[in-house]
Amino acid sequence: QERPWPLLPMVVSEAICGYGEKALPAAAAFQFLLAAGDVFDDIQDADSPDSIYAKYGLAIAISVASTLLILGERSLTRRRPTSIDAGTLIRTSDVINSFYTRACIGQHLDITAEAHLSEQQYLEIIAMKSAAQIECSCYTGALLAGANQELIDAFASFGHNSGMVFQIGNDIQGIISGKDIIKGKITLPAIYALTMTDNKIRNELMPVFQKQNIPVRDFQPAKELLFHAGALHYATLKMEVYKQRALDILSGIQ
């Protein structure tokens, strides 16, 4: 599976108490929420001919996504053969809603981001949009496993840094494939090239990332500029920083 985040609550629970099924309600909820998010993303991006939105229209896509959100909430409250008290399930639901509210805010900021986006702003956005979801998976897994707050926070921090690694890596792939260049999407490689390189490179790349609704049919020149400017290398180094933080946290937990 490309994104195994719905399984993280059970993995974390297994690591803490040896019983992964204690986190099954959260794992089910995340699967539904992830599916709903994919449908909403397809509506917002409108770039997938195989999406529910493309095949059946906006009304049905919204209906499907809304149903998936409801099923995600119900998965936390349905009666299960696990010894989880109602108070913990209510707290879990509140935690998930809080984290996913942050994710929605991050998604909005990502959609409305302009070409002058700074690296710090980019990191704050992906921390909300992407890392918050993985952080939530780890947090709820530890919570449902009965861990103390210190251990819960440690696993949440591991999830946060893992989420940052995932999103930066995804943005690197977006440049390599050309998808983010075609869309003029502002990600870390683009930010580096637009702020840390010479004027010649900036002037050539600026029209691509100014979102002037000018389609970029040949992304190869921009891709080569980003590569030779060291933008992909810089993003990779930044990704490695978060990867090392995640590994250090995991070593501390063990």
Protein backbone atom coordinates (compact mmCIF):
# COMPACT_ATOMS: atom_id res chain seq x y z
CA GLN A 1 0.00 0.00 0.00
CA GLU A 2 1.35 3.42 -0.97
CA ARG A 3 0.12 5.08 2.23
CA PRO A 4 -0.07 2.62 5.12
CA TRP A 5 -0.99 5.30 7.67
CA PRO A 6 -4.35 3.71 8.64
CA LEU A 7 -2.37 0.72 9.96
CA LEU A 8 -0.15 2.84 12.19
CA PRO A 9 -2.51 2.88 15.20
CA MET A 10 -2.44 -0.92 15.30
CA VAL A 11 1.33 -1.04 14.78
CA VAL A 12 1.88 1.41 17.62
CA SER A 13 -0.56 -0.42 19.88
CA GLU A 14 1.18 -3.71 19.14
CA ALA A 15 4.52 -2.15 20.04
CA ILE A 16 3.22 -0.83 23.36
CA CYS A 17 0.94 -3.52 24.73
CA GLY A 18 1.34 -6.45 22.33
CA TYR A 19 -2.26 -6.20 21.18
CA GLY A 20 -2.77 -4.33 17.93
CA GLU A 21 -6.53 -4.87 17.80
CA LYS A 22 -7.01 -2.40 20.64
CA ALA A 23 -6.45 0.32 18.05
CA LEU A 24 -8.72 -1.23 15.43
CA PRO A 25 -11.43 1.48 15.81
CA ALA A 26 -8.89 4.19 15.00
CA ALA A 27 -7.41 2.19 12.11
CA ALA A 28 -10.88 1.80 10.58
CA ALA A 29 -11.62 5.48 11.08
CA PHE A 30 -8.41 6.51 9.37
CA GLN A 31 -9.12 4.27 6.40
CA PHE A 32 -12.49 5.96 5.85
CA LEU A 33 -11.04 9.45 6.42
CA LEU A 34 -8.21 8.80 3.99
CA ALA A 35 -10.68 7.60 1.36
CA ALA A 36 -12.86 10.68 1.91
CA GLY A 37 -9.80 12.92 1.64
CA ASP A 38 -8.86 11.32 -1.66
CA VAL A 39 -12.29 12.09 -3.10
CA PHE A 40 -12.14 15.69 -1.91
CA ASP A 41 -8.60 16.02 -3.32
CA ASP A 42 -9.83 14.82 -6.70
CA ILE A 43 -12.55 17.47 -6.61
CA GLN A 44 -10.07 20.20 -5.72
CA ASP A 45 -7.36 19.15 -8.16
CA ALA A 46 -9.66 18.03 -11.01
CA ASP A 47 -6.72 16.29 -12.67
CA SER A 48 -7.62 12.59 -12.50
CA PRO A 49 -9.77 11.10 -15.28
CA ASP A 50 -10.32 7.98 -13.15
CA SER A 51 -11.70 9.78 -10.10
CA ILE A 52 -15.28 9.54 -8.87
CA TYR A 53 -15.61 13.26 -9.59
CA ALA A 54 -14.48 12.88 -13.19
CA LYS A 55 -16.67 9.85 -13.86
CA TYR A 56 -19.87 10.71 -12.00
CA GLY A 57 -19.82 14.45 -11.34
CA LEU A 58 -19.53 16.82 -8.39
CA ALA A 59 -22.79 15.94 -6.62
CA ILE A 60 -22.08 12.21 -6.38
CA ALA A 61 -18.45 12.81 -5.41
CA ILE A 62 -19.49 15.05 -2.52
CA SER A 63 -22.12 12.51 -1.45
CA VAL A 64 -19.57 9.68 -1.43
CA ALA A 65 -16.97 11.70 0.48
CA SER A 66 -19.53 12.81 3.06
CA THR A 67 -20.67 9.22 3.57
CA LEU A 68 -17.08 8.10 4.10
CA LEU A 69 -16.63 10.81 6.76
CA ILE A 70 -19.74 9.56 8.59
CA LEU A 71 -18.53 5.96 8.41
CA GLY A 72 -15.20 7.07 9.85
CA GLU A 73 -16.94 8.60 12.85
CA ARG A 74 -19.17 5.53 13.31
CA SER A 75 -16.19 3.18 13.27
CA LEU A 76 -15.07 4.71 16.56
CA THR A 77 -18.38 4.26 18.33
CA ARG A 78 -19.55 0.84 17.18
CA ARG A 79 -19.40 -1.86 19.82
CA ARG A 80 -16.29 -4.03 19.57
CA PRO A 81 -14.85 -6.95 21.52
CA THR A 82 -12.03 -4.77 22.85
CA SER A 83 -11.74 -3.52 26.41
CA ILE A 84 -11.79 0.18 25.56
CA ASP A 85 -13.91 2.32 27.84
CA ALA A 86 -16.30 4.92 26.46
CA GLY A 87 -14.25 7.80 27.84
CA THR A 88 -11.16 6.73 25.91
CA LEU A 89 -13.17 6.36 22.70
CA ILE A 90 -14.62 9.85 23.16
CA ARG A 91 -11.15 11.25 23.74
CA THR A 92 -9.91 9.41 20.64
CA SER A 93 -12.69 10.91 18.56
CA ASP A 94 -11.85 14.39 19.85
CA VAL A 95 -8.15 13.89 19.08
CA ILE A 96 -8.89 12.75 15.53
CA ASN A 97 -11.24 15.67 14.89
CA SER A 98 -8.64 18.12 16.23
CA PHE A 99 -5.82 16.76 14.08
CA TYR A 100 -7.96 16.59 10.96
CA THR A 101 -9.15 20.16 11.49
CA ARG A 102 -5.48 21.14 11.33
CA ALA A 103 -5.10 19.04 8.18
CA CYS A 104 -8.03 20.87 6.53
CA ILE A 105 -6.50 24.25 7.41
CA GLY A 106 -3.18 23.10 5.95
CA GLN A 107 -4.92 21.93 2.77
CA HIS A 108 -6.56 25.32 2.37
CA LEU A 109 -3.25 27.13 2.85
CA ASP A 110 -1.59 24.79 0.37
CA ILE A 111 -4.24 25.46 -2.28
CA THR A 112 -4.01 29.24 -1.86
CA ALA A 113 -0.19 29.42 -1.58
CA GLU A 114 1.48 31.95 -3.85
CA ALA A 115 4.91 32.03 -5.49
CA HIS A 116 6.42 34.12 -2.68
CA LEU A 117 5.83 31.32 -0.16
CA SER A 118 8.83 31.04 2.20
CA GLU A 119 10.45 27.80 3.28
CA GLN A 120 9.20 28.31 6.84
CA GLN A 121 5.64 28.82 5.61
CA TYR A 122 5.92 25.71 3.45
CA LEU A 123 7.10 23.62 6.41
CA GLU A 124 4.27 24.94 8.57
CA ILE A 125 1.73 24.09 5.86
CA ILE A 126 2.90 20.51 5.32
CA ALA A 127 3.10 20.03 9.10
CA MET A 128 -0.63 20.76 9.19
CA LYS A 129 -1.69 19.24 5.87
CA SER A 130 0.24 15.97 5.89
CA ALA A 131 2.26 15.42 9.06
CA ALA A 132 -0.77 16.02 11.29
CA GLN A 133 -2.53 12.97 9.85
CA ILE A 134 0.38 10.62 10.53
CA GLU A 135 0.99 12.22 13.90
CA CYS A 136 -2.66 11.55 14.72
CA SER A 137 -2.34 7.88 13.70
CA CYS A 138 0.55 7.35 16.11
CA TYR A 139 -1.05 9.40 18.87
CA THR A 140 -4.32 7.47 18.83
CA GLY A 141 -2.53 4.11 18.61
CA ALA A 142 -0.63 4.92 21.79
CA LEU A 143 -3.74 6.34 23.45
CA LEU A 144 -5.84 3.25 22.77
CA ALA A 145 -3.00 1.01 23.94
CA GLY A 146 -3.19 2.66 27.37
CA ALA A 147 0.18 4.45 27.21
CA ASN A 148 1.01 7.34 29.52
CA GLN A 149 1.09 10.87 28.13
CA GLU A 150 4.88 10.94 27.79
CA LEU A 151 4.86 7.85 25.60
CA ILE A 152 1.87 9.12 23.62
CA ASP A 153 3.72 12.37 22.92
CA ALA A 154 6.86 10.48 21.87
CA PHE A 155 4.96 8.39 19.33
CA ALA A 156 3.13 11.50 18.13
CA SER A 157 6.47 13.24 17.56
CA PHE A 158 7.70 10.21 15.64
CA GLY A 159 4.57 10.41 13.49
CA HIS A 160 5.06 14.13 12.90
CA ASN A 161 8.62 13.73 11.65
CA SER A 162 7.66 10.70 9.56
CA GLY A 163 4.90 12.77 7.98
CA MET A 164 7.35 15.52 7.10
CA VAL A 165 9.60 12.94 5.45
CA PHE A 166 6.68 11.56 3.46
CA GLN A 167 5.49 14.94 2.19
CA ILE A 168 8.91 16.30 1.24
CA GLY A 169 9.64 13.01 -0.53
CA ASN A 170 6.29 13.28 -2.32
CA ASP A 171 7.13 16.82 -3.41
CA ILE A 172 10.50 15.67 -4.77
CA GLN A 173 8.69 13.02 -6.81
CA GLY A 174 6.28 15.68 -8.01
CA ILE A 175 9.19 17.52 -9.59
CA ILE A 176 10.81 14.38 -11.02
CA SER A 177 7.54 13.28 -12.64
CA GLY A 178 6.83 16.82 -13.80
CA LYS A 179 3.35 16.81 -12.26
CA ASP A 180 3.99 19.70 -9.86
CA ILE A 181 5.79 21.69 -12.55
CA ILE A 182 2.83 21.37 -14.90
CA LYS A 183 0.50 22.52 -12.11
CA GLY A 184 2.87 25.32 -11.05
CA LYS A 185 2.71 23.98 -7.52
CA ILE A 186 4.96 25.65 -4.94
CA THR A 187 6.91 23.01 -3.02
CA LEU A 188 10.30 22.95 -1.32
CA PRO A 189 12.41 22.44 -4.48
CA ALA A 190 10.65 25.38 -6.16
CA ILE A 191 11.02 27.57 -3.07
CA TYR A 192 14.74 26.86 -2.94
CA ALA A 193 15.21 27.67 -6.64
CA LEU A 194 13.14 30.87 -6.41
CA THR A 195 14.92 32.20 -3.32
CA MET A 196 18.42 30.73 -3.13
CA THR A 197 19.68 30.76 -6.72
CA ASP A 198 20.90 33.46 -9.13
CA ASN A 199 18.60 35.85 -10.95
CA LYS A 200 18.88 34.03 -14.27
CA ILE A 201 17.40 30.81 -12.84
CA ARG A 202 14.76 32.70 -10.89
CA ASN A 203 13.64 34.67 -13.93
CA GLU A 204 13.28 31.50 -15.98
CA LEU A 205 11.35 29.64 -13.31
CA MET A 206 9.12 32.44 -12.03
CA PRO A 207 6.55 32.26 -14.88
CA VAL A 208 6.14 28.51 -14.24
CA PHE A 209 5.28 28.98 -10.57
CA GLN A 210 3.34 32.25 -10.61
CA LYS A 211 0.06 30.42 -11.30
CA GLN A 212 -0.84 32.54 -14.31
CA ASN A 213 -3.00 29.72 -15.71
CA ILE A 214 -0.48 29.20 -18.48
CA PRO A 215 -0.23 25.44 -19.15
CA VAL A 216 3.31 24.05 -19.09
CA ARG A 217 3.30 21.32 -21.71
CA ASP A 218 7.04 20.70 -21.69
CA PHE A 219 8.19 20.47 -18.09
CA GLN A 220 11.66 19.18 -18.92
CA PRO A 221 13.44 22.57 -19.13
CA ALA A 222 12.12 23.63 -15.71
CA LYS A 223 12.98 20.23 -14.27
CA GLU A 224 16.55 20.50 -15.53
CA LEU A 225 16.88 23.99 -14.07
CA LEU A 226 15.68 22.77 -10.68
CA PHE A 227 18.07 19.83 -10.82
CA HIS A 228 21.14 21.85 -11.80
CA ALA A 229 20.30 24.54 -9.25
CA GLY A 230 20.56 21.92 -6.50
CA ALA A 231 16.87 22.23 -5.55
CA LEU A 232 16.22 18.48 -5.42
CA HIS A 233 19.45 17.89 -3.50
CA TYR A 234 18.48 20.55 -0.97
CA ALA A 235 15.02 19.04 -0.49
CA THR A 236 16.56 15.59 -0.04
CA LEU A 237 18.88 16.90 2.68
CA LYS A 238 15.93 18.53 4.45
CA MET A 239 14.02 15.26 4.24
CA GLU A 240 16.97 13.41 5.78
CA VAL A 241 16.93 15.79 8.76
CA TYR A 242 13.36 14.80 9.61
CA LYS A 243 14.13 11.15 8.93
CA GLN A 244 16.97 11.23 11.44
CA ARG A 245 14.75 12.93 14.02
CA ALA A 246 12.16 10.18 13.59
CA LEU A 247 14.81 7.48 13.99
CA ASP A 248 16.24 9.17 17.09
CA ILE A 249 12.79 9.32 18.67
CA LEU A 250 12.18 5.68 17.87
CA SER A 251 15.53 4.73 19.41
CA GLY A 252 14.59 6.63 22.56
CA ILE A 253 11.26 4.84 22.80
CA GLN A 254 12.91 1.42 22.44
